[in-house]
C-alpha atoms as a PDB file:
ATOM      1  CA  MET A   1       0.000   0.000   0.000  1.00  0.00           C
ATOM      2  CA  THR A   2       1.401   3.403  -0.942  1.00  0.00           C
ATOM      3  CA  THR A   3      -1.042   5.919   0.485  1.00  0.00           C
ATOM      4  CA  SER A   4       1.001   8.937   1.559  1.00  0.00           C
ATOM      5  CA  SER A   5       1.271   9.614   5.277  1.00  0.00           C
ATOM      6  CA  GLY A   6       2.744  12.468   7.313  1.00  0.00           C
ATOM      7  CA  PRO A   7       6.455  12.887   8.108  1.00  0.00           C
ATOM      8  CA  ILE A   8       8.289  10.330  10.250  1.00  0.00           C
ATOM      9  CA  LEU A   9      10.709  11.605  12.904  1.00  0.00           C
ATOM     10  CA  VAL A  10      13.684   9.485  13.977  1.00  0.00           C
ATOM     11  CA  PRO A  11      15.678  10.685  17.016  1.00  0.00           C
ATOM     12  CA  ILE A  12      19.288   9.550  16.586  1.00  0.00           C
ATOM     13  CA  GLY A  13      21.691   9.021  19.479  1.00  0.00           C
ATOM     14  CA  PHE A  14      24.117   6.937  17.377  1.00  0.00           C
ATOM     15  CA  ALA A  15      23.725   3.890  19.661  1.00  0.00           C
ATOM     16  CA  GLU A  16      22.772   0.518  18.194  1.00  0.00           C
ATOM     17  CA  GLN A  17      19.081   0.894  19.024  1.00  0.00           C
ATOM     18  CA  SER A  18      18.768   4.234  17.250  1.00  0.00           C
ATOM     19  CA  ILE A  19      20.299   2.772  14.085  1.00  0.00           C
ATOM     20  CA  LEU A  20      17.842  -0.140  14.260  1.00  0.00           C
ATOM     21  CA  ALA A  21      15.071   2.422  14.697  1.00  0.00           C
ATOM     22  CA  LEU A  22      16.307   4.277  11.614  1.00  0.00           C
ATOM     23  CA  GLU A  23      16.246   1.069   9.555  1.00  0.00           C
ATOM     24  CA  GLN A  24      12.657   0.400  10.630  1.00  0.00           C
ATOM     25  CA  ALA A  25      11.649   4.010   9.984  1.00  0.00           C
ATOM     26  CA  VAL A  26      13.109   3.908   6.473  1.00  0.00           C
ATOM     27  CA  ASN A  27      11.090   0.767   5.757  1.00  0.00           C
ATOM     28  CA  ILE A  28       7.904   2.403   7.044  1.00  0.00           C
ATOM     29  CA  ALA A  29       8.630   5.575   5.041  1.00  0.00           C
ATOM     30  CA  LYS A  30       8.905   3.501   1.859  1.00  0.00           C
ATOM     31  CA  ILE A  31       5.593   1.761   2.522  1.00  0.00           C
ATOM     32  CA  THR A  32       3.718   4.920   3.565  1.00  0.00           C
ATOM     33  CA  ASP A  33       5.440   7.255   1.073  1.00  0.00           C
ATOM     34  CA  SER A  34       6.478   9.567   3.915  1.00  0.00           C
ATOM     35  CA  GLU A  35       9.154  12.181   4.399  1.00  0.00           C
ATOM     36  CA  LEU A  36      11.818  11.251   6.954  1.00  0.00           C
ATOM     37  CA  PHE A  37      13.503  13.565   9.459  1.00  0.00           C
ATOM     38  CA  LEU A  38      16.623  12.569  11.409  1.00  0.00           C
ATOM     39  CA  LEU A  39      17.078  14.496  14.663  1.00  0.00           C
ATOM     40  CA  THR A  40      19.911  14.560  17.178  1.00  0.00           C
ATOM     41  CA  VAL A  41      19.532  16.604  20.356  1.00  0.00           C
ATOM     42  CA  VAL A  42      22.681  17.980  21.970  1.00  0.00           C
ATOM     43  CA  GLU A  43      22.016  18.391  25.665  1.00  0.00           C
ATOM     44  CA  GLU A  44      22.074  21.915  27.074  1.00  0.00           C
ATOM     45  CA  PRO A  45      25.441  22.870  28.642  1.00  0.00           C
ATOM     46  CA  SER A  46      25.590  23.197  32.409  1.00  0.00           C
ATOM     47  CA  THR A  47      25.563  26.543  34.182  1.00  0.00           C
ATOM     48  CA  MET A  48      29.261  26.086  34.961  1.00  0.00           C
ATOM     49  CA  GLN A  49      30.104  25.504  31.291  1.00  0.00           C
ATOM     50  CA  LYS A  50      28.281  28.667  30.314  1.00  0.00           C
ATOM     51  CA  LEU A  51      30.608  30.715  32.512  1.00  0.00           C
ATOM     52  CA  PHE A  52      33.448  30.099  30.080  1.00  0.00           C
ATOM     53  CA  SER A  53      33.516  32.013  26.809  1.00  0.00           C
ATOM     54  CA  SER A  54      34.791  28.997  24.888  1.00  0.00           C
ATOM     55  CA  TYR A  55      31.661  26.898  25.450  1.00  0.00           C
ATOM     56  CA  LYS A  56      29.765  28.462  22.539  1.00  0.00           C
ATOM     57  CA  GLU A  57      32.569  27.707  20.134  1.00  0.00           C
ATOM     58  CA  SER A  58      32.839  24.142  21.433  1.00  0.00           C
ATOM     59  CA  GLN A  59      29.095  23.665  21.163  1.00  0.00           C
ATOM     60  CA  GLU A  60      29.043  24.875  17.566  1.00  0.00           C
ATOM     61  CA  GLN A  61      31.872  22.493  16.725  1.00  0.00           C
ATOM     62  CA  LEU A  62      29.963  19.636  18.352  1.00  0.00           C
ATOM     63  CA  LYS A  63      26.795  20.486  16.433  1.00  0.00           C
ATOM     64  CA  GLU A  64      28.744  20.526  13.176  1.00  0.00           C
ATOM     65  CA  GLN A  65      30.305  17.142  13.939  1.00  0.00           C
ATOM     66  CA  VAL A  66      26.897  15.713  14.809  1.00  0.00           C
ATOM     67  CA  ARG A  67      25.393  17.089  11.601  1.00  0.00           C
ATOM     68  CA  GLU A  68      28.154  15.453   9.556  1.00  0.00           C
ATOM     69  CA  LYS A  69      27.431  12.089  11.190  1.00  0.00           C
ATOM     70  CA  LEU A  70      23.695  12.523  10.623  1.00  0.00           C
ATOM     71  CA  GLU A  71      24.246  13.361   6.973  1.00  0.00           C
ATOM     72  CA  GLY A  72      26.361  10.221   6.671  1.00  0.00           C
ATOM     73  CA  LEU A  73      23.457   8.144   8.013  1.00  0.00           C
ATOM     74  CA  GLN A  74      21.051   9.985   5.747  1.00  0.00           C
ATOM     75  CA  GLU A  75      23.156   9.164   2.701  1.00  0.00           C
ATOM     76  CA  LYS A  76      23.541   5.520   3.749  1.00  0.00           C
ATOM     77  CA  TYR A  77      19.933   4.738   4.655  1.00  0.00           C
ATOM     78  CA  CYS A  78      17.694   7.312   2.968  1.00  0.00           C
ATOM     79  CA  SER A  79      19.095   7.690  -0.543  1.00  0.00           C
ATOM     80  CA  ASP A  80      16.472   5.479  -2.204  1.00  0.00           C
ATOM     81  CA  LEU A  81      13.401   6.994  -0.539  1.00  0.00           C
ATOM     82  CA  SER A  82      10.790   8.389  -2.914  1.00  0.00           C
ATOM     83  CA  ARG A  83      10.171  11.381  -0.629  1.00  0.00           C
ATOM     84  CA  ASP A  84      12.587  13.900   0.869  1.00  0.00           C
ATOM     85  CA  SER A  85      14.659  13.306   3.995  1.00  0.00           C
ATOM     86  CA  ASP A  86      16.350  15.899   6.184  1.00  0.00           C
ATOM     87  CA  CYS A  87      18.728  16.187   9.155  1.00  0.00           C
ATOM     88  CA  MET A  88      18.243  18.403  12.189  1.00  0.00           C
ATOM     89  CA  VAL A  89      20.450  19.175  15.205  1.00  0.00           C
ATOM     90  CA  SER A  90      18.913  20.871  18.221  1.00  0.00           C
ATOM     91  CA  VAL A  91      20.118  21.903  21.687  1.00  0.00           C
ATOM     92  CA  GLY A  92      18.106  21.330  24.852  1.00  0.00           C
ATOM     93  CA  ALA A  93      16.388  18.661  26.915  1.00  0.00           C
ATOM     94  CA  ILE A  94      16.232  15.554  24.737  1.00  0.00           C
ATOM     95  CA  TYR A  95      12.600  14.503  25.108  1.00  0.00           C
ATOM     96  CA  GLU A  96      11.322  18.097  25.068  1.00  0.00           C
ATOM     97  CA  LYS A  97      13.105  18.850  21.801  1.00  0.00           C
ATOM     98  CA  ILE A  98      11.904  15.620  20.216  1.00  0.00           C
ATOM     99  CA  THR A  99       8.263  16.410  20.960  1.00  0.00           C
ATOM    100  CA  GLU A 100       8.765  20.049  19.948  1.00  0.00           C
ATOM    101  CA  VAL A 101      10.204  19.074  16.561  1.00  0.00           C
ATOM    102  CA  ALA A 102       7.519  16.412  16.049  1.00  0.00           C
ATOM    103  CA  ASP A 103       4.875  19.068  16.559  1.00  0.00           C
ATOM    104  CA  MET A 104       6.704  21.562  14.322  1.00  0.00           C
ATOM    105  CA  ILE A 105       6.953  19.206  11.318  1.00  0.00           C
ATOM    106  CA  GLY A 106       3.508  17.687  11.840  1.00  0.00           C
ATOM    107  CA  ALA A 107       4.951  14.199  12.366  1.00  0.00           C
ATOM    108  CA  SER A 108       2.598  11.264  11.903  1.00  0.00           C
ATOM    109  CA  LEU A 109       4.980   8.906  13.711  1.00  0.00           C
ATOM    110  CA  ILE A 110       8.126   8.905  15.863  1.00  0.00           C
ATOM    111  CA  VAL A 111      10.411   5.867  15.701  1.00  0.00           C
ATOM    112  CA  MET A 112      13.116   5.773  18.359  1.00  0.00           C
ATOM    113  CA  GLY A 113      15.469   3.374  20.077  1.00  0.00           C
ATOM    114  CA  THR A 114      15.499   2.769  23.803  1.00  0.00           C
ATOM    115  CA  ASN A 115      17.811   0.788  26.063  1.00  0.00           C
ATOM    116  CA  GLY A 116      15.096   0.346  28.677  1.00  0.00           C
ATOM    117  CA  ALA A 117      15.450   1.168  32.364  1.00  0.00           C
ATOM    118  CA  GLU A 118      18.830   0.572  33.944  1.00  0.00           C
ATOM    119  CA  ILE A 119      17.651   0.073  37.505  1.00  0.00           C
ATOM    120  CA  GLU A 120      14.364  -0.785  39.182  1.00  0.00           C
ATOM    121  CA  THR A 121      13.782   2.609  40.794  1.00  0.00           C
ATOM    122  CA  ARG A 122      14.402   4.376  37.527  1.00  0.00           C
ATOM    123  CA  LYS A 123      11.924   2.107  35.789  1.00  0.00           C
ATOM    124  CA  LYS A 124       9.224   3.019  38.289  1.00  0.00           C
ATOM    125  CA  PHE A 125       9.812   6.671  39.021  1.00  0.00           C
ATOM    126  CA  ILE A 126      11.951   8.385  36.396  1.00  0.00           C
ATOM    127  CA  GLY A 127      11.673   6.545  33.098  1.00  0.00           C
ATOM    128  CA  SER A 128      13.756   7.086  29.994  1.00  0.00           C
ATOM    129  CA  ASN A 129      13.789   9.765  27.338  1.00  0.00           C
ATOM    130  CA  ALA A 130      11.800   7.332  25.211  1.00  0.00           C
ATOM    131  CA  TYR A 131       9.073   6.991  27.830  1.00  0.00           C
ATOM    132  CA  ASN A 132       8.882  10.768  28.319  1.00  0.00           C
ATOM    133  CA  VAL A 133       8.516  11.177  24.560  1.00  0.00           C
ATOM    134  CA  VAL A 134       5.737   8.582  24.582  1.00  0.00           C
ATOM    135  CA  ARG A 135       3.867  10.511  27.276  1.00  0.00           C
ATOM    136  CA  SER A 136       4.068  13.886  25.549  1.00  0.00           C
ATOM    137  CA  ALA A 137       4.342  13.225  21.804  1.00  0.00           C
ATOM    138  CA  PRO A 138       1.607  14.599  19.514  1.00  0.00           C
ATOM    139  CA  CYS A 139       1.599  11.373  17.448  1.00  0.00           C
ATOM    140  CA  PRO A 140       2.110   7.607  17.867  1.00  0.00           C
ATOM    141  CA  VAL A 141       5.593   6.496  18.938  1.00  0.00           C
ATOM    142  CA  ILE A 142       7.329   3.211  18.089  1.00  0.00           C
ATOM    143  CA  THR A 143      10.093   2.257  20.526  1.00  0.00           C
ATOM    144  CA  ILE A 144      12.817  -0.180  19.464  1.00  0.00           C
ATOM    145  CA  LYS A 145      14.720  -2.055  22.180  1.00  0.00           C
ATOM    146  CA  GLY A 146      15.745  -5.469  20.813  1.00  0.00           C
ATOM    147  CA  LYS A 147      18.950  -6.251  18.960  1.00  0.00           C
ATOM    148  CA  GLU A 148      17.438  -7.102  15.582  1.00  0.00           C
ATOM    149  CA  HIS A 149      14.049  -7.011  13.917  1.00  0.00           C
ATOM    150  CA  ARG A 150      12.493  -8.117  10.669  1.00  0.00           C
ATOM    151  CA  LEU A 151      11.758  -5.369   8.209  1.00  0.00           C
ATOM    152  CA  GLY A 152       8.044  -5.153   7.647  1.00  0.00           C
ATOM    153  CA  CYS A 153       5.370  -6.573   9.916  1.00  0.00           C
ATOM    154  CA  ASN A 154       3.325  -9.769   9.751  1.00  0.00           C
ATOM    155  CA  THR A 155       1.596  -9.736  13.154  1.00  0.00           C
ATOM    156  CA  ILE A 156       0.344  -6.827  15.284  1.00  0.00           C
ATOM    157  CA  VAL A 157      -0.691  -7.580  18.875  1.00  0.00           C
ATOM    158  CA  LEU A 158      -3.523  -5.413  20.176  1.00  0.00           C
ATOM    159  CA  PRO A 159      -4.268  -5.862  23.921  1.00  0.00           C
ATOM    160  CA  LEU A 160      -7.749  -4.723  24.971  1.00  0.00           C
ATOM    161  CA  ASP A 161      -9.307  -4.124  28.376  1.00  0.00           C
ATOM    162  CA  LEU A 162     -12.804  -3.280  29.594  1.00  0.00           C
ATOM    163  CA  GLN A 163     -12.508   0.336  30.557  1.00  0.00           C
ATOM    164  CA  LYS A 164     -10.381   2.238  28.077  1.00  0.00           C
ATOM    165  CA  GLU A 165     -10.817   0.730  24.634  1.00  0.00           C
ATOM    166  CA  THR A 166     -10.760   3.621  22.228  1.00  0.00           C
ATOM    167  CA  ARG A 167     -11.320   4.173  18.550  1.00  0.00           C
ATOM    168  CA  GLU A 168      -7.788   5.564  18.249  1.00  0.00           C
ATOM    169  CA  LYS A 169      -6.015   2.304  19.053  1.00  0.00           C
ATOM    170  CA  VAL A 170      -8.189   0.054  16.903  1.00  0.00           C
ATOM    171  CA  THR A 171      -8.227   2.511  13.999  1.00  0.00           C
ATOM    172  CA  THR A 172      -4.449   2.966  14.142  1.00  0.00           C
ATOM    173  CA  ALA A 173      -3.944  -0.807  14.220  1.00  0.00           C
ATOM    174  CA  ILE A 174      -6.104  -1.167  11.115  1.00  0.00           C
ATOM    175  CA  GLN A 175      -4.198   1.616   9.357  1.00  0.00           C
ATOM    176  CA  TYR A 176      -0.805   0.005   9.901  1.00  0.00           C
ATOM    177  CA  ALA A 177      -2.077  -3.516   9.264  1.00  0.00           C
ATOM    178  CA  ARG A 178      -3.188  -2.292   5.854  1.00  0.00           C
ATOM    179  CA  PHE A 179       0.215  -0.748   5.175  1.00  0.00           C
ATOM    180  CA  TRP A 180       1.948  -4.063   5.902  1.00  0.00           C
ATOM    181  CA  ASP A 181      -0.854  -6.488   4.957  1.00  0.00           C
ATOM    182  CA  ALA A 182      -0.461  -7.738   8.523  1.00  0.00           C
ATOM    183  CA  GLU A 183      -2.746  -9.768  10.778  1.00  0.00           C
ATOM    184  CA  ILE A 184      -4.029  -8.220  14.008  1.00  0.00           C
ATOM    185  CA  ARG A 185      -4.081 -10.492  17.071  1.00  0.00           C
ATOM    186  CA  VAL A 186      -6.591  -8.996  19.501  1.00  0.00           C
ATOM    187  CA  PHE A 187      -6.514 -10.360  23.027  1.00  0.00           C
ATOM    188  CA  SER A 188      -7.701  -9.576  26.528  1.00  0.00           C
ATOM    189  CA  VAL A 189      -6.230 -10.719  29.820  1.00  0.00           C
ATOM    190  CA  LEU A 190      -8.623 -12.320  32.307  1.00  0.00           C
ATOM    191  CA  LEU A 191      -7.222 -11.758  35.790  1.00  0.00           C
ATOM    192  CA  SER A 192     -10.163 -13.196  37.751  1.00  0.00           C
ATOM    193  CA  ASN A 193     -12.803 -15.926  37.569  1.00  0.00           C
ATOM    194  CA  ASP A 194     -15.668 -13.417  37.566  1.00  0.00           C
ATOM    195  CA  GLU A 195     -18.134 -14.708  34.957  1.00  0.00           C
ATOM    196  CA  PHE A 196     -19.591 -11.233  34.367  1.00  0.00           C
ATOM    197  CA  VAL A 197     -16.171  -9.779  33.595  1.00  0.00           C
ATOM    198  CA  LYS A 198     -15.321 -12.780  31.433  1.00  0.00           C
ATOM    199  CA  GLY A 199     -18.530 -12.416  29.448  1.00  0.00           C
ATOM    200  CA  LYS A 200     -18.040  -8.708  28.892  1.00  0.00           C
ATOM    201  CA  LEU A 201     -14.437  -9.174  27.786  1.00  0.00           C
ATOM    202  CA  GLN A 202     -15.501 -11.910  25.369  1.00  0.00           C
ATOM    203  CA  ARG A 203     -18.232  -9.711  23.870  1.00  0.00           C
ATOM    204  CA  ASN A 204     -15.801  -6.814  23.468  1.00  0.00           C
ATOM    205  CA  LEU A 205     -13.285  -9.085  21.755  1.00  0.00           C
ATOM    206  CA  GLU A 206     -15.891 -10.441  19.346  1.00  0.00           C
ATOM    207  CA  GLN A 207     -17.105  -6.932  18.533  1.00  0.00           C
ATOM    208  CA  VAL A 208     -13.618  -5.613  17.831  1.00  0.00           C
ATOM    209  CA  GLU A 209     -12.660  -8.709  15.831  1.00  0.00           C
ATOM    210  CA  GLN A 210     -15.730  -8.350  13.618  1.00  0.00           C
ATOM    211  CA  PHE A 211     -15.095  -4.628  13.165  1.00  0.00           C
ATOM    212  CA  ILE A 212     -11.519  -5.260  12.023  1.00  0.00           C
ATOM    213  CA  VAL A 213     -12.501  -8.099   9.678  1.00  0.00           C
ATOM    214  CA  ASP A 214     -15.243  -5.922   8.174  1.00  0.00           C
ATOM    215  CA  LYS A 215     -12.514  -3.387   7.331  1.00  0.00           C
ATOM    216  CA  GLY A 216     -10.757  -6.021   5.244  1.00  0.00           C
ATOM    217  CA  VAL A 217      -7.967  -6.807   7.724  1.00  0.00           C
ATOM    218  CA  LYS A 218      -7.071 -10.302   8.961  1.00  0.00           C
ATOM    219  CA  CYS A 219      -7.797 -10.710  12.669  1.00  0.00           C
ATOM    220  CA  GLN A 220      -7.890 -13.336  15.411  1.00  0.00           C
ATOM    221  CA  ALA A 221      -9.221 -12.737  18.928  1.00  0.00           C
ATOM    222  CA  GLU A 222      -8.359 -14.596  22.113  1.00  0.00           C
ATOM    223  CA  LEU A 223      -9.158 -14.364  25.820  1.00  0.00           C
ATOM    224  CA  VAL A 224      -6.115 -15.296  27.914  1.00  0.00           C
ATOM    225  CA  ASN A 225      -6.606 -16.451  31.513  1.00  0.00           C
ATOM    226  CA  VAL A 226      -3.642 -15.683  33.784  1.00  0.00           C
ATOM    227  CA  SER A 227      -3.277 -15.528  37.544  1.00  0.00           C
ATOM    228  CA  ASP A 228       0.431 -15.648  38.304  1.00  0.00           C
ATOM    229  CA  VAL A 229       1.917 -12.763  36.294  1.00  0.00           C
ATOM    230  CA  SER A 230       1.394  -9.025  35.962  1.00  0.00           C
ATOM    231  CA  LEU A 231      -0.672  -7.482  33.189  1.00  0.00           C
ATOM    232  CA  SER A 232       2.460  -6.211  31.437  1.00  0.00           C
ATOM    233  CA  GLN A 233       4.133  -9.630  31.595  1.00  0.00           C
ATOM    234  CA  ALA A 234       0.984 -11.252  30.215  1.00  0.00           C
ATOM    235  CA  VAL A 235       1.156  -8.885  27.229  1.00  0.00           C
ATOM    236  CA  LEU A 236       4.836  -9.686  26.685  1.00  0.00           C
ATOM    237  CA  ASN A 237       4.271 -13.447  27.000  1.00  0.00           C
ATOM    238  CA  TYR A 238       1.407 -13.431  24.516  1.00  0.00           C
ATOM    239  CA  SER A 239       3.372 -11.290  22.043  1.00  0.00           C
ATOM    240  CA  GLU A 240       6.255 -13.755  22.112  1.00  0.00           C
ATOM    241  CA  LYS A 241       3.869 -16.712  21.815  1.00  0.00           C
ATOM    242  CA  VAL A 242       2.351 -15.431  18.543  1.00  0.00           C
ATOM    243  CA  ASN A 243       5.723 -14.219  17.203  1.00  0.00           C
ATOM    244  CA  ALA A 244       4.525 -10.614  17.041  1.00  0.00           C
ATOM    245  CA  ASP A 245       6.354  -7.934  15.084  1.00  0.00           C
ATOM    246  CA  LEU A 246       4.634  -5.016  16.833  1.00  0.00           C
ATOM    247  CA  VAL A 247       2.782  -4.516  20.123  1.00  0.00           C
ATOM    248  CA  MET A 248       0.295  -1.643  20.176  1.00  0.00           C
ATOM    249  CA  ILE A 249      -0.714  -0.052  23.484  1.00  0.00           C
ATOM    250  CA  MET A 250      -2.254   3.148  24.807  1.00  0.00           C
ATOM    251  CA  THR A 251      -0.091   5.539  26.782  1.00  0.00           C
ATOM    252  CA  GLN A 252      -2.808   5.953  29.418  1.00  0.00           C
ATOM    253  CA  GLN A 253      -2.857   3.439  32.258  1.00  0.00           C
ATOM    254  CA  GLU A 254      -4.728   0.176  31.792  1.00  0.00           C
ATOM    255  CA  SER A 255      -7.724  -0.547  33.988  1.00  0.00           C
ATOM    256  CA  ASP A 256      -6.146  -2.783  36.620  1.00  0.00           C
ATOM    257  CA  PHE A 257      -3.619  -0.201  37.834  1.00  0.00           C
ATOM    258  CA  THR A 258      -5.399   3.085  37.219  1.00  0.00           C
ATOM    259  CA  LEU A 259      -3.145   6.110  37.886  1.00  0.00           C
ATOM    260  CA  TYR A 260      -0.491   3.875  39.477  1.00  0.00           C
ATOM    261  CA  PHE A 261       2.957   5.372  38.810  1.00  0.00           C
ATOM    262  CA  LEU A 262       1.521   7.336  35.854  1.00  0.00           C
ATOM    263  CA  GLY A 263       1.110   4.254  33.734  1.00  0.00           C
ATOM    264  CA  SER A 264       3.268   1.492  35.136  1.00  0.00           C
ATOM    265  CA  THR A 265       1.915  -1.174  32.764  1.00  0.00           C
ATOM    266  CA  ALA A 266       2.741   0.821  29.640  1.00  0.00           C
ATOM    267  CA  ARG A 267       6.116   1.756  31.094  1.00  0.00           C
ATOM    268  CA  SER A 268       6.983  -1.877  31.871  1.00  0.00           C
ATOM    269  CA  ILE A 269       6.042  -2.988  28.375  1.00  0.00           C
ATOM    270  CA  ILE A 270       8.170  -0.249  26.786  1.00  0.00           C
ATOM    271  CA  ASN A 271      11.145  -1.003  29.032  1.00  0.00           C
ATOM    272  CA  GLU A 272      11.034  -4.792  28.834  1.00  0.00           C
ATOM    273  CA  SER A 273       9.733  -5.691  25.370  1.00  0.00           C
ATOM    274  CA  ASP A 274      12.282  -6.827  22.803  1.00  0.00           C
ATOM    275  CA  ILE A 275       9.480  -6.530  20.247  1.00  0.00           C
ATOM    276  CA  PRO A 276       8.870  -2.990  18.906  1.00  0.00           C
ATOM    277  CA  VAL A 277       6.077  -1.217  20.784  1.00  0.00           C
ATOM    278  CA  MET A 278       3.767   1.376  19.249  1.00  0.00           C
ATOM    279  CA  CYS A 279       2.191   3.718  21.781  1.00  0.00           C
ATOM    280  CA  VAL A 280      -0.954   5.551  20.752  1.00  0.00           C
ATOM    281  CA  ARG A 281      -1.897   8.571  22.809  1.00  0.00           C
ATOM    282  CA  PRO A 282      -5.689   8.810  23.220  1.00  0.00           C
ATOM    283  CA  VAL A 283      -7.451  12.014  22.282  1.00  0.00           C
ATOM    284  CA  LYS A 284     -10.175  11.541  24.857  1.00  0.00           C
ATOM    285  CA  LYS A 285     -11.779   8.925  27.062  1.00  0.00           C
ATOM    286  CA  LEU A 286     -14.924   7.275  25.829  1.00  0.00           C
ATOM    287  CA  ASP A 287     -17.936   6.117  27.801  1.00  0.00           C
ATOM    288  CA  THR A 288     -16.809   2.591  28.614  1.00  0.00           C
ATOM    289  CA  THR A 289     -20.308   1.363  29.371  1.00  0.00           C
ATOM    290  CA  SER A 290     -21.586   2.055  25.848  1.00  0.00           C
ATOM    291  CA  TYR A 291     -18.515   1.508  23.716  1.00  0.00           C
ATOM    292  CA  GLU A 292     -19.172   1.177  19.993  1.00  0.00           C
ATOM    293  CA  LEU A 293     -16.807   1.226  17.045  1.00  0.00           C
ATOM    294  CA  GLN A 294     -17.832   3.390  14.115  1.00  0.00           C
END
């Protein structure tokens, strides 16, 4: 499918994950006929550094060196794109500049690498630049953590819960499934033996599955019963089981841990998944008691 989409932004830190992210972004840009922007953010100098007159000269030299490296990557990876590509170097807080540039260029997607959390407390309370981008970005964000990934996408995993299923996530999944001719695997996690909850989850799954199939996209739905792992681990386990190429989640917190650590389930999935994760930021909450897809 070659329907044109908006620009794709790729933050580049020159680590292995950011190069993998660039490779994936180039592949998506080819499929969606999108422009591609490569961005490196040079962190703001400290107050002490600013006291010395030489810091401006050093910073300009650094920016020039970074631009040269970016242009080298652009030439290597972007030369056969049908649309334009460009390089940008900015100074400031990394995640703030990424979201600022994404907004400025009207990005339809951000694709970025992440090394995950280094320590447990950081995972819970601070998060990474990638997670902060996910929380504040004006568009969907794909995070790349694993060492290698297939180009393209055969299987998209779409976890659903009772309270916050939104049109945005399902519609975005359909959009990208069409780009790749991929199958969507819709599933819900049953964390209790409550028959009412089970019945409602099953009805939601069937409704979403039928909606996706009616849009001409391959889909399978499954209710997974777990009792000994967290919601995030259940998502990761299922994604590995079906050999997923992409996991799609909402950046808001899932129903079982509402407001806990500002989205601990989403954060755990982003930090721990070796499969690329697409985070869709919801525009608004829907009435969860009368949810209908249109």
